[in-house]
């Protein structure tokens, strides 16, 4: 599996990658990484698409896109992803919604329902010394429409079908656009 991390802080990305690798690797699946320095002048979709095309040529089947400040708390992500892949999931994340509202454009807001009401998963946040976990709801295994791009597994068959990240977006909404197009394909 290839982890792709675009970062403006290589030290933080390397530290978090070491934690991720410790929680991810198994005797059957090794996580390799491509850490791509980025000062913010290039959007994530452009970086991701370039890396995808390079690695598809090598036969890479599993891609994991991670924001540089993601620190994994849960263990055995490779096993969790393998189990979901066996159920037919080609895009997997840690936070998302089963009922995306195109009118709002945000995965966590629906026009007709309270905020986070159709959301699943959890994310740990930190700001200086302050840390908190946003719990959006119990994570169902299937039928999520849109996931947050902070942690996004994608099987290569999605890219082979012609679905890539939309480079019109720089940082926000690339994940939503990608998921919507993948569902429609």
N, C-alpha and C. Protein backbone atom coordinates (compact mmCIF):
# COMPACT_ATOMS: atom_id res chain seq x y z
N UNK A 1 0.85 -1.17 0.00
CA UNK A 1 0.00 0.00 0.00
C UNK A 1 0.89 1.23 0.00
N UNK A 2 0.50 2.23 -0.77
CA UNK A 2 1.24 3.48 -0.84
C UNK A 2 0.49 4.56 -0.08
N UNK A 3 1.17 5.20 0.86
CA UNK A 3 0.61 6.35 1.55
C UNK A 3 1.18 7.60 0.89
N UNK A 4 0.32 8.54 0.54
CA UNK A 4 0.74 9.79 -0.08
C UNK A 4 0.42 10.93 0.88
N UNK A 5 1.46 11.66 1.27
CA UNK A 5 1.29 12.76 2.21
C UNK A 5 1.88 14.01 1.58
N UNK A 6 1.06 15.03 1.41
CA UNK A 6 1.54 16.33 0.96
C UNK A 6 1.64 17.21 2.19
N UNK A 7 2.78 17.90 2.35
CA UNK A 7 2.96 18.59 3.62
C UNK A 7 3.73 19.90 3.48
N UNK A 8 3.46 20.79 4.42
CA UNK A 8 4.27 21.99 4.58
C UNK A 8 5.12 21.85 5.83
N UNK A 9 5.11 20.67 6.44
CA UNK A 9 5.88 20.40 7.65
C UNK A 9 6.38 18.96 7.57
N UNK A 10 7.55 18.77 6.94
CA UNK A 10 8.06 17.41 6.72
C UNK A 10 8.35 16.68 8.02
N UNK A 11 8.81 17.39 9.05
CA UNK A 11 9.11 16.74 10.32
C UNK A 11 7.84 16.16 10.94
N UNK A 12 6.76 16.94 10.94
CA UNK A 12 5.49 16.45 11.47
C UNK A 12 4.99 15.27 10.63
N UNK A 13 5.10 15.38 9.32
CA UNK A 13 4.66 14.29 8.44
C UNK A 13 5.45 13.02 8.71
N UNK A 14 6.76 13.12 8.88
CA UNK A 14 7.60 11.94 9.15
C UNK A 14 7.25 11.33 10.50
N UNK A 15 7.05 12.16 11.52
CA UNK A 15 6.68 11.65 12.84
C UNK A 15 5.36 10.89 12.78
N UNK A 16 4.38 11.51 12.14
CA UNK A 16 3.06 10.87 12.05
C UNK A 16 3.09 9.64 11.16
N UNK A 17 3.93 9.64 10.14
CA UNK A 17 4.07 8.47 9.29
C UNK A 17 4.64 7.29 10.08
N UNK A 18 5.60 7.56 10.96
CA UNK A 18 6.16 6.49 11.78
C UNK A 18 5.08 5.87 12.67
N UNK A 19 4.23 6.71 13.25
CA UNK A 19 3.12 6.21 14.07
C UNK A 19 2.15 5.41 13.21
N UNK A 20 1.82 5.96 12.05
CA UNK A 20 0.92 5.28 11.14
C UNK A 20 1.47 3.93 10.72
N UNK A 21 2.75 3.89 10.35
CA UNK A 21 3.36 2.63 9.90
C UNK A 21 3.33 1.59 11.01
N UNK A 22 3.55 2.04 12.24
CA UNK A 22 3.51 1.13 13.37
C UNK A 22 2.12 0.53 13.56
N UNK A 23 1.09 1.33 13.32
CA UNK A 23 -0.28 0.87 13.50
C UNK A 23 -0.82 0.16 12.26
N UNK A 24 -0.13 0.31 11.13
CA UNK A 24 -0.66 -0.18 9.87
C UNK A 24 0.01 -1.45 9.38
N UNK A 25 1.30 -1.55 9.52
CA UNK A 25 2.03 -2.65 8.92
C UNK A 25 1.68 -3.98 9.56
N UNK A 26 1.71 -5.00 8.75
CA UNK A 26 1.53 -6.36 9.21
C UNK A 26 2.52 -7.21 8.44
N UNK A 27 2.54 -8.47 8.75
CA UNK A 27 3.46 -9.35 8.02
C UNK A 27 3.05 -9.51 6.57
N UNK A 28 1.81 -9.18 6.23
CA UNK A 28 1.31 -9.36 4.87
C UNK A 28 1.26 -8.08 4.05
N UNK A 29 1.24 -6.95 4.70
CA UNK A 29 1.05 -5.70 3.98
C UNK A 29 1.94 -4.63 4.60
N UNK A 30 2.80 -4.06 3.79
CA UNK A 30 3.71 -3.04 4.27
C UNK A 30 3.32 -1.69 3.68
N UNK A 31 3.29 -0.71 4.53
CA UNK A 31 2.96 0.64 4.10
C UNK A 31 4.23 1.34 3.65
N UNK A 32 4.25 1.79 2.42
CA UNK A 32 5.35 2.63 1.95
C UNK A 32 4.79 4.03 1.79
N UNK A 33 5.68 5.01 1.74
CA UNK A 33 5.18 6.38 1.73
C UNK A 33 5.90 7.25 0.73
N UNK A 34 5.15 8.20 0.24
CA UNK A 34 5.66 9.27 -0.61
C UNK A 34 5.29 10.56 0.10
N UNK A 35 6.29 11.18 0.74
CA UNK A 35 6.06 12.47 1.40
C UNK A 35 6.46 13.55 0.41
N UNK A 36 5.52 14.41 0.07
CA UNK A 36 5.75 15.41 -0.96
C UNK A 36 5.71 16.80 -0.31
N UNK A 37 6.88 17.44 -0.25
CA UNK A 37 6.90 18.80 0.31
C UNK A 37 6.03 19.74 -0.52
N UNK A 38 5.29 20.59 0.18
CA UNK A 38 4.39 21.51 -0.51
C UNK A 38 4.19 22.74 0.37
N UNK A 39 4.51 23.89 -0.18
CA UNK A 39 4.34 25.13 0.56
C UNK A 39 2.93 25.70 0.42
N UNK A 40 2.05 24.96 -0.20
CA UNK A 40 0.68 25.41 -0.40
C UNK A 40 0.44 26.01 -1.76
N UNK A 41 1.49 26.13 -2.56
CA UNK A 41 1.34 26.73 -3.89
C UNK A 41 0.74 25.75 -4.90
N UNK A 42 0.77 24.47 -4.58
CA UNK A 42 0.19 23.45 -5.45
C UNK A 42 -0.94 22.78 -4.68
N UNK A 43 -2.09 22.61 -5.33
CA UNK A 43 -3.22 21.98 -4.66
C UNK A 43 -3.03 20.49 -4.47
N UNK A 44 -3.68 19.95 -3.45
CA UNK A 44 -3.60 18.51 -3.19
C UNK A 44 -4.03 17.67 -4.39
N UNK A 45 -5.10 18.02 -5.10
CA UNK A 45 -5.49 17.20 -6.25
C UNK A 45 -4.39 17.07 -7.30
N UNK A 46 -3.69 18.15 -7.57
CA UNK A 46 -2.61 18.10 -8.57
C UNK A 46 -1.48 17.19 -8.09
N UNK A 47 -1.11 17.31 -6.82
CA UNK A 47 -0.06 16.46 -6.25
C UNK A 47 -0.51 15.01 -6.27
N UNK A 48 -1.72 14.75 -5.80
CA UNK A 48 -2.22 13.38 -5.74
C UNK A 48 -2.30 12.76 -7.14
N UNK A 49 -2.86 13.48 -8.10
CA UNK A 49 -3.02 12.92 -9.45
C UNK A 49 -1.68 12.58 -10.08
N UNK A 50 -0.70 13.44 -9.90
CA UNK A 50 0.63 13.17 -10.44
C UNK A 50 1.23 11.91 -9.83
N UNK A 51 1.08 11.77 -8.52
CA UNK A 51 1.61 10.60 -7.82
C UNK A 51 0.86 9.34 -8.23
N UNK A 52 -0.45 9.44 -8.36
CA UNK A 52 -1.27 8.29 -8.78
C UNK A 52 -0.78 7.77 -10.12
N UNK A 53 -0.64 8.66 -11.07
CA UNK A 53 -0.23 8.25 -12.43
C UNK A 53 1.14 7.59 -12.40
N UNK A 54 2.07 8.13 -11.62
CA UNK A 54 3.40 7.52 -11.53
C UNK A 54 3.32 6.11 -10.94
N UNK A 55 2.54 5.95 -9.88
CA UNK A 55 2.49 4.66 -9.19
C UNK A 55 1.58 3.64 -9.87
N UNK A 56 0.59 4.07 -10.62
CA UNK A 56 -0.22 3.10 -11.37
C UNK A 56 0.65 2.33 -12.35
N UNK A 57 1.64 3.01 -12.89
CA UNK A 57 2.56 2.36 -13.85
C UNK A 57 3.39 1.27 -13.19
N UNK A 58 3.55 1.32 -11.87
CA UNK A 58 4.33 0.30 -11.16
C UNK A 58 3.47 -0.85 -10.68
N UNK A 59 2.16 -0.76 -10.91
CA UNK A 59 1.25 -1.82 -10.48
C UNK A 59 0.69 -1.62 -9.08
N UNK A 60 0.90 -0.47 -8.49
CA UNK A 60 0.35 -0.19 -7.15
C UNK A 60 -1.17 -0.27 -7.21
N UNK A 61 -1.75 -1.01 -6.28
CA UNK A 61 -3.20 -1.19 -6.27
C UNK A 61 -3.89 -0.39 -5.17
N UNK A 62 -3.20 -0.15 -4.08
CA UNK A 62 -3.82 0.49 -2.93
C UNK A 62 -3.15 1.83 -2.64
N UNK A 63 -3.97 2.87 -2.55
CA UNK A 63 -3.48 4.21 -2.28
C UNK A 63 -4.12 4.73 -0.99
N UNK A 64 -3.33 5.40 -0.18
CA UNK A 64 -3.83 5.99 1.05
C UNK A 64 -3.39 7.45 1.06
N UNK A 65 -4.34 8.37 1.01
CA UNK A 65 -4.05 9.79 1.00
C UNK A 65 -4.31 10.33 2.40
N UNK A 66 -3.28 10.99 2.96
CA UNK A 66 -3.35 11.40 4.36
C UNK A 66 -2.87 12.84 4.48
N UNK A 67 -3.61 13.65 5.22
CA UNK A 67 -3.12 14.98 5.53
C UNK A 67 -1.92 14.85 6.46
N UNK A 68 -0.99 15.78 6.37
CA UNK A 68 0.28 15.66 7.08
C UNK A 68 0.15 15.68 8.60
N UNK A 69 -0.94 16.19 9.11
CA UNK A 69 -1.09 16.29 10.56
C UNK A 69 -1.97 15.20 11.15
N UNK A 70 -2.22 14.15 10.38
CA UNK A 70 -3.05 13.05 10.87
C UNK A 70 -2.19 12.12 11.72
N UNK A 71 -2.67 11.84 12.91
CA UNK A 71 -2.04 10.87 13.79
C UNK A 71 -3.05 9.77 14.05
N UNK A 72 -2.68 8.55 13.69
CA UNK A 72 -3.61 7.44 13.85
C UNK A 72 -3.69 7.01 15.31
N UNK A 73 -4.91 6.83 15.79
CA UNK A 73 -5.13 6.36 17.15
C UNK A 73 -5.45 4.86 17.12
N UNK A 74 -6.32 4.47 16.22
CA UNK A 74 -6.75 3.07 16.13
C UNK A 74 -5.65 2.21 15.53
N UNK A 75 -5.62 0.95 15.90
CA UNK A 75 -4.64 -0.01 15.39
C UNK A 75 -5.21 -0.81 14.22
N UNK A 76 -4.34 -1.47 13.52
CA UNK A 76 -4.68 -2.48 12.51
C UNK A 76 -5.53 -1.95 11.37
N UNK A 77 -5.17 -0.77 10.85
CA UNK A 77 -5.95 -0.21 9.74
C UNK A 77 -5.87 -1.06 8.49
N UNK A 78 -4.74 -1.74 8.28
CA UNK A 78 -4.63 -2.59 7.11
C UNK A 78 -5.69 -3.69 7.14
N UNK A 79 -5.92 -4.27 8.30
CA UNK A 79 -6.93 -5.32 8.44
C UNK A 79 -8.34 -4.76 8.22
N UNK A 80 -8.59 -3.58 8.76
CA UNK A 80 -9.90 -2.96 8.60
C UNK A 80 -10.17 -2.65 7.12
N UNK A 81 -9.16 -2.12 6.46
CA UNK A 81 -9.32 -1.82 5.03
C UNK A 81 -9.50 -3.10 4.23
N UNK A 82 -8.72 -4.13 4.53
CA UNK A 82 -8.87 -5.41 3.81
C UNK A 82 -10.27 -5.98 3.99
N UNK A 83 -10.81 -5.91 5.20
CA UNK A 83 -12.17 -6.41 5.44
C UNK A 83 -13.20 -5.64 4.63
N UNK A 84 -13.06 -4.31 4.57
CA UNK A 84 -13.99 -3.50 3.80
C UNK A 84 -13.83 -3.73 2.30
N UNK A 85 -12.59 -3.94 1.85
CA UNK A 85 -12.35 -4.24 0.43
C UNK A 85 -13.07 -5.53 0.03
N UNK A 86 -13.03 -6.52 0.91
CA UNK A 86 -13.70 -7.80 0.63
C UNK A 86 -15.21 -7.61 0.49
N UNK A 87 -15.74 -6.56 1.11
CA UNK A 87 -17.17 -6.26 1.01
C UNK A 87 -17.49 -5.37 -0.20
N UNK A 88 -16.46 -5.06 -0.98
CA UNK A 88 -16.68 -4.29 -2.20
C UNK A 88 -16.41 -2.80 -2.10
N UNK A 89 -15.83 -2.35 -0.99
CA UNK A 89 -15.53 -0.92 -0.83
C UNK A 89 -14.25 -0.57 -1.58
N UNK A 90 -14.32 0.46 -2.39
CA UNK A 90 -13.15 0.93 -3.12
C UNK A 90 -12.64 2.27 -2.61
N UNK A 91 -13.44 2.96 -1.81
CA UNK A 91 -13.05 4.22 -1.18
C UNK A 91 -13.42 4.10 0.30
N UNK A 92 -12.44 4.33 1.17
CA UNK A 92 -12.65 4.13 2.60
C UNK A 92 -12.06 5.33 3.34
N UNK A 93 -12.77 5.80 4.36
CA UNK A 93 -12.27 6.93 5.15
C UNK A 93 -12.61 6.76 6.61
N UNK A 94 -12.28 7.77 7.40
CA UNK A 94 -12.55 7.70 8.83
C UNK A 94 -13.67 8.64 9.27
N UNK A 95 -14.14 9.48 8.36
CA UNK A 95 -15.26 10.37 8.69
C UNK A 95 -15.99 10.71 7.40
N UNK A 96 -17.31 10.71 7.46
CA UNK A 96 -18.09 11.02 6.27
C UNK A 96 -19.57 11.02 6.55
N UNK A 97 -20.35 10.97 5.46
CA UNK A 97 -21.80 11.00 5.58
C UNK A 97 -22.45 10.01 4.63
N UNK A 98 -23.59 9.53 5.03
CA UNK A 98 -24.37 8.63 4.18
C UNK A 98 -25.45 9.37 3.42
N UNK A 99 -25.58 10.68 3.67
CA UNK A 99 -26.65 11.44 3.04
C UNK A 99 -26.14 12.84 2.71
N UNK A 100 -25.35 12.95 1.64
CA UNK A 100 -24.74 14.22 1.28
C UNK A 100 -25.78 15.17 0.69
N UNK A 101 -25.74 16.42 1.13
CA UNK A 101 -26.66 17.44 0.67
C UNK A 101 -25.92 18.39 -0.27
N UNK A 102 -26.18 18.27 -1.57
CA UNK A 102 -25.52 19.12 -2.56
C UNK A 102 -25.79 20.61 -2.34
N UNK A 103 -26.88 20.93 -1.66
CA UNK A 103 -27.24 22.33 -1.43
C UNK A 103 -26.28 23.03 -0.48
N UNK A 104 -25.67 22.28 0.43
CA UNK A 104 -24.75 22.91 1.38
C UNK A 104 -23.31 22.82 0.90
N UNK A 105 -22.95 21.73 0.22
CA UNK A 105 -21.58 21.53 -0.23
C UNK A 105 -20.64 20.97 0.82
N UNK A 106 -21.12 20.81 2.04
CA UNK A 106 -20.30 20.28 3.12
C UNK A 106 -20.80 18.89 3.49
N UNK A 107 -19.87 17.98 3.80
CA UNK A 107 -20.31 16.62 4.15
C UNK A 107 -20.95 16.55 5.53
N UNK A 108 -20.67 17.52 6.39
CA UNK A 108 -21.17 17.46 7.76
C UNK A 108 -22.42 18.30 8.00
N UNK A 109 -22.90 18.99 6.98
CA UNK A 109 -24.08 19.85 7.14
C UNK A 109 -25.14 19.45 6.13
N UNK A 110 -26.36 19.32 6.61
CA UNK A 110 -27.51 19.06 5.75
C UNK A 110 -28.51 20.19 5.97
N UNK A 111 -29.13 20.64 4.91
CA UNK A 111 -30.05 21.76 5.00
C UNK A 111 -31.26 21.46 5.88
N UNK A 112 -31.71 20.22 5.85
CA UNK A 112 -32.95 19.88 6.54
C UNK A 112 -32.75 19.16 7.87
N UNK A 113 -31.50 18.94 8.28
CA UNK A 113 -31.25 18.16 9.49
C UNK A 113 -30.23 18.90 10.36
N UNK A 114 -30.19 18.56 11.65
CA UNK A 114 -29.19 19.18 12.53
C UNK A 114 -27.77 18.85 12.06
N UNK A 115 -26.82 19.72 12.35
CA UNK A 115 -25.43 19.51 11.97
C UNK A 115 -24.94 18.16 12.49
N UNK A 116 -24.18 17.46 11.69
CA UNK A 116 -23.60 16.15 11.98
C UNK A 116 -24.62 15.02 12.09
N UNK A 117 -25.88 15.24 11.78
CA UNK A 117 -26.89 14.20 11.99
C UNK A 117 -26.72 13.00 11.08
N UNK A 118 -26.16 13.17 9.91
CA UNK A 118 -25.96 12.04 8.99
C UNK A 118 -24.49 11.67 8.87
N UNK A 119 -23.72 11.97 9.89
CA UNK A 119 -22.27 11.78 9.81
C UNK A 119 -21.82 10.58 10.64
N UNK A 120 -20.68 10.05 10.25
CA UNK A 120 -20.14 8.86 10.89
C UNK A 120 -18.64 9.01 11.07
N UNK A 121 -18.09 8.30 12.04
CA UNK A 121 -16.66 8.29 12.28
C UNK A 121 -16.26 9.25 13.38
N UNK A 122 -14.96 9.39 13.58
CA UNK A 122 -14.45 10.30 14.59
C UNK A 122 -13.07 10.80 14.18
N UNK A 123 -12.75 12.01 14.65
CA UNK A 123 -11.49 12.65 14.31
C UNK A 123 -10.96 13.34 15.56
N UNK A 124 -9.68 13.12 15.85
CA UNK A 124 -9.02 13.81 16.96
C UNK A 124 -8.42 15.10 16.41
N UNK A 125 -8.62 16.19 17.15
CA UNK A 125 -8.10 17.49 16.75
C UNK A 125 -7.12 17.97 17.83
N UNK A 126 -6.21 18.83 17.44
CA UNK A 126 -5.35 19.48 18.43
C UNK A 126 -5.00 20.88 17.95
N UNK A 127 -4.94 21.76 18.91
CA UNK A 127 -4.58 23.15 18.67
C UNK A 127 -3.70 23.57 19.84
N UNK A 128 -2.39 23.60 19.60
CA UNK A 128 -1.48 23.87 20.71
C UNK A 128 -1.58 22.77 21.75
N UNK A 129 -1.86 23.14 22.97
CA UNK A 129 -1.99 22.16 24.07
C UNK A 129 -3.39 21.55 24.14
N UNK A 130 -4.34 22.15 23.46
CA UNK A 130 -5.73 21.71 23.53
C UNK A 130 -5.97 20.56 22.54
N UNK A 131 -6.60 19.49 23.02
CA UNK A 131 -6.94 18.34 22.17
C UNK A 131 -8.39 17.95 22.43
N UNK A 132 -9.07 17.50 21.39
CA UNK A 132 -10.44 17.02 21.52
C UNK A 132 -10.73 16.05 20.38
N UNK A 133 -11.74 15.23 20.59
CA UNK A 133 -12.16 14.26 19.58
C UNK A 133 -13.58 14.59 19.15
N UNK A 134 -13.78 14.76 17.86
CA UNK A 134 -15.13 14.94 17.31
C UNK A 134 -15.66 13.56 16.95
N UNK A 135 -16.71 13.15 17.62
CA UNK A 135 -17.36 11.87 17.32
C UNK A 135 -18.61 12.19 16.55
N UNK A 136 -18.63 11.83 15.28
CA UNK A 136 -19.76 12.16 14.41
C UNK A 136 -20.86 11.11 14.48
N UNK A 137 -20.51 9.91 14.86
CA UNK A 137 -21.48 8.84 14.96
C UNK A 137 -20.80 7.52 14.70
N UNK A 138 -21.49 6.42 15.04
CA UNK A 138 -20.89 5.10 14.81
C UNK A 138 -20.64 4.90 13.32
N UNK A 139 -19.52 4.33 13.01
CA UNK A 139 -19.13 4.16 11.61
C UNK A 139 -19.78 2.92 11.00
N UNK A 140 -20.67 3.13 10.05
CA UNK A 140 -21.22 1.98 9.34
C UNK A 140 -20.16 1.44 8.39
N UNK A 141 -20.33 0.24 7.94
CA UNK A 141 -19.32 -0.37 7.08
C UNK A 141 -19.49 0.02 5.61
N UNK A 142 -20.70 0.27 5.19
CA UNK A 142 -20.96 0.51 3.77
C UNK A 142 -21.93 1.68 3.59
N UNK A 143 -22.12 2.07 2.35
CA UNK A 143 -23.12 3.06 1.95
C UNK A 143 -22.83 4.48 2.42
N UNK A 144 -21.58 4.84 2.51
CA UNK A 144 -21.20 6.22 2.77
C UNK A 144 -21.08 6.91 1.42
N UNK A 145 -21.63 8.09 1.29
CA UNK A 145 -21.58 8.81 0.01
C UNK A 145 -20.34 9.66 -0.14
N UNK A 146 -19.94 10.33 0.93
CA UNK A 146 -18.82 11.28 0.88
C UNK A 146 -17.98 11.10 2.13
N UNK A 147 -16.66 11.07 1.96
CA UNK A 147 -15.76 11.01 3.11
C UNK A 147 -14.83 12.22 3.11
N UNK A 148 -14.32 12.53 4.27
CA UNK A 148 -13.37 13.61 4.43
C UNK A 148 -12.01 13.16 3.92
N UNK A 149 -11.30 14.04 3.23
CA UNK A 149 -10.02 13.69 2.62
C UNK A 149 -8.85 13.61 3.58
N UNK A 150 -9.06 13.82 4.88
CA UNK A 150 -7.93 13.76 5.80
C UNK A 150 -7.31 12.37 5.85
N UNK A 151 -8.10 11.33 5.57
CA UNK A 151 -7.62 9.96 5.50
C UNK A 151 -8.52 9.27 4.48
N UNK A 152 -7.96 8.96 3.32
CA UNK A 152 -8.78 8.42 2.25
C UNK A 152 -8.04 7.27 1.55
N UNK A 153 -8.56 6.06 1.73
CA UNK A 153 -8.05 4.90 0.99
C UNK A 153 -8.81 4.83 -0.32
N UNK A 154 -8.09 4.59 -1.42
CA UNK A 154 -8.73 4.42 -2.72
C UNK A 154 -8.05 3.25 -3.44
N UNK A 155 -8.85 2.32 -3.92
CA UNK A 155 -8.31 1.22 -4.72
C UNK A 155 -8.04 1.72 -6.14
N UNK A 156 -7.02 1.19 -6.76
CA UNK A 156 -6.59 1.66 -8.07
C UNK A 156 -7.66 1.52 -9.15
N UNK A 157 -8.61 0.61 -8.99
CA UNK A 157 -9.63 0.46 -10.04
C UNK A 157 -10.49 1.71 -10.19
N UNK A 158 -10.57 2.55 -9.14
CA UNK A 158 -11.29 3.82 -9.26
C UNK A 158 -10.55 4.72 -10.24
N UNK A 159 -9.24 4.80 -10.11
CA UNK A 159 -8.44 5.64 -11.01
C UNK A 159 -8.41 5.06 -12.42
N UNK A 160 -8.35 3.74 -12.50
CA UNK A 160 -8.33 3.08 -13.81
C UNK A 160 -9.63 3.31 -14.57
N UNK A 161 -10.70 3.61 -13.85
CA UNK A 161 -11.99 3.90 -14.50
C UNK A 161 -12.06 5.36 -14.97
N UNK A 162 -11.00 6.12 -14.71
CA UNK A 162 -10.95 7.51 -15.18
C UNK A 162 -11.30 8.55 -14.14
N UNK A 163 -11.56 8.14 -12.91
CA UNK A 163 -11.91 9.09 -11.85
C UNK A 163 -10.62 9.51 -11.14
N UNK A 164 -10.34 10.80 -11.17
CA UNK A 164 -9.19 11.37 -10.47
C UNK A 164 -9.69 12.54 -9.63
N UNK A 165 -8.79 13.13 -8.86
CA UNK A 165 -9.14 14.30 -8.07
C UNK A 165 -9.27 15.52 -8.99
N UNK A 166 -10.27 16.34 -8.74
CA UNK A 166 -10.54 17.52 -9.56
C UNK A 166 -9.57 18.64 -9.20
N UNK A 167 -8.71 18.98 -10.14
CA UNK A 167 -7.65 19.96 -9.89
C UNK A 167 -8.15 21.40 -9.84
N UNK A 168 -9.43 21.62 -10.08
CA UNK A 168 -9.98 22.97 -9.90
C UNK A 168 -10.05 23.34 -8.43
N UNK A 169 -10.04 22.34 -7.57
CA UNK A 169 -10.04 22.56 -6.12
C UNK A 169 -8.60 22.49 -5.63
N UNK A 170 -8.25 23.33 -4.71
CA UNK A 170 -6.88 23.35 -4.22
C UNK A 170 -6.74 22.51 -2.95
N UNK A 171 -7.59 22.75 -1.98
CA UNK A 171 -7.51 21.99 -0.74
C UNK A 171 -8.88 21.52 -0.28
N UNK A 172 -9.84 22.40 -0.22
CA UNK A 172 -11.18 22.02 0.23
C UNK A 172 -12.03 21.54 -0.94
N UNK A 173 -12.93 20.62 -0.65
CA UNK A 173 -13.94 20.10 -1.58
C UNK A 173 -13.43 19.13 -2.63
N UNK A 174 -12.12 18.92 -2.74
CA UNK A 174 -11.61 17.93 -3.69
C UNK A 174 -12.10 16.53 -3.32
N UNK A 175 -12.21 16.27 -2.01
CA UNK A 175 -12.64 14.97 -1.52
C UNK A 175 -14.13 14.73 -1.83
N UNK A 176 -14.93 15.76 -1.62
CA UNK A 176 -16.37 15.67 -1.89
C UNK A 176 -16.61 15.44 -3.38
N UNK A 177 -15.96 16.24 -4.20
CA UNK A 177 -16.08 16.11 -5.65
C UNK A 177 -15.68 14.72 -6.12
N UNK A 178 -14.58 14.22 -5.58
CA UNK A 178 -14.08 12.89 -5.96
C UNK A 178 -15.10 11.81 -5.60
N UNK A 179 -15.63 11.85 -4.40
CA UNK A 179 -16.59 10.83 -3.95
C UNK A 179 -17.87 10.87 -4.79
N UNK A 180 -18.36 12.05 -5.06
CA UNK A 180 -19.60 12.17 -5.84
C UNK A 180 -19.40 11.59 -7.24
N UNK A 181 -18.28 11.92 -7.88
CA UNK A 181 -18.02 11.38 -9.22
C UNK A 181 -17.80 9.88 -9.20
N UNK A 182 -17.17 9.36 -8.16
CA UNK A 182 -16.93 7.92 -8.06
C UNK A 182 -18.24 7.16 -7.88
N UNK A 183 -19.17 7.72 -7.12
CA UNK A 183 -20.47 7.07 -6.91
C UNK A 183 -21.25 7.03 -8.22
N UNK A 184 -21.17 8.11 -8.98
CA UNK A 184 -21.92 8.19 -10.24
C UNK A 184 -21.34 7.30 -11.34
N UNK A 185 -20.07 6.95 -11.20
CA UNK A 185 -19.40 6.15 -12.28
C UNK A 185 -19.93 4.74 -12.34
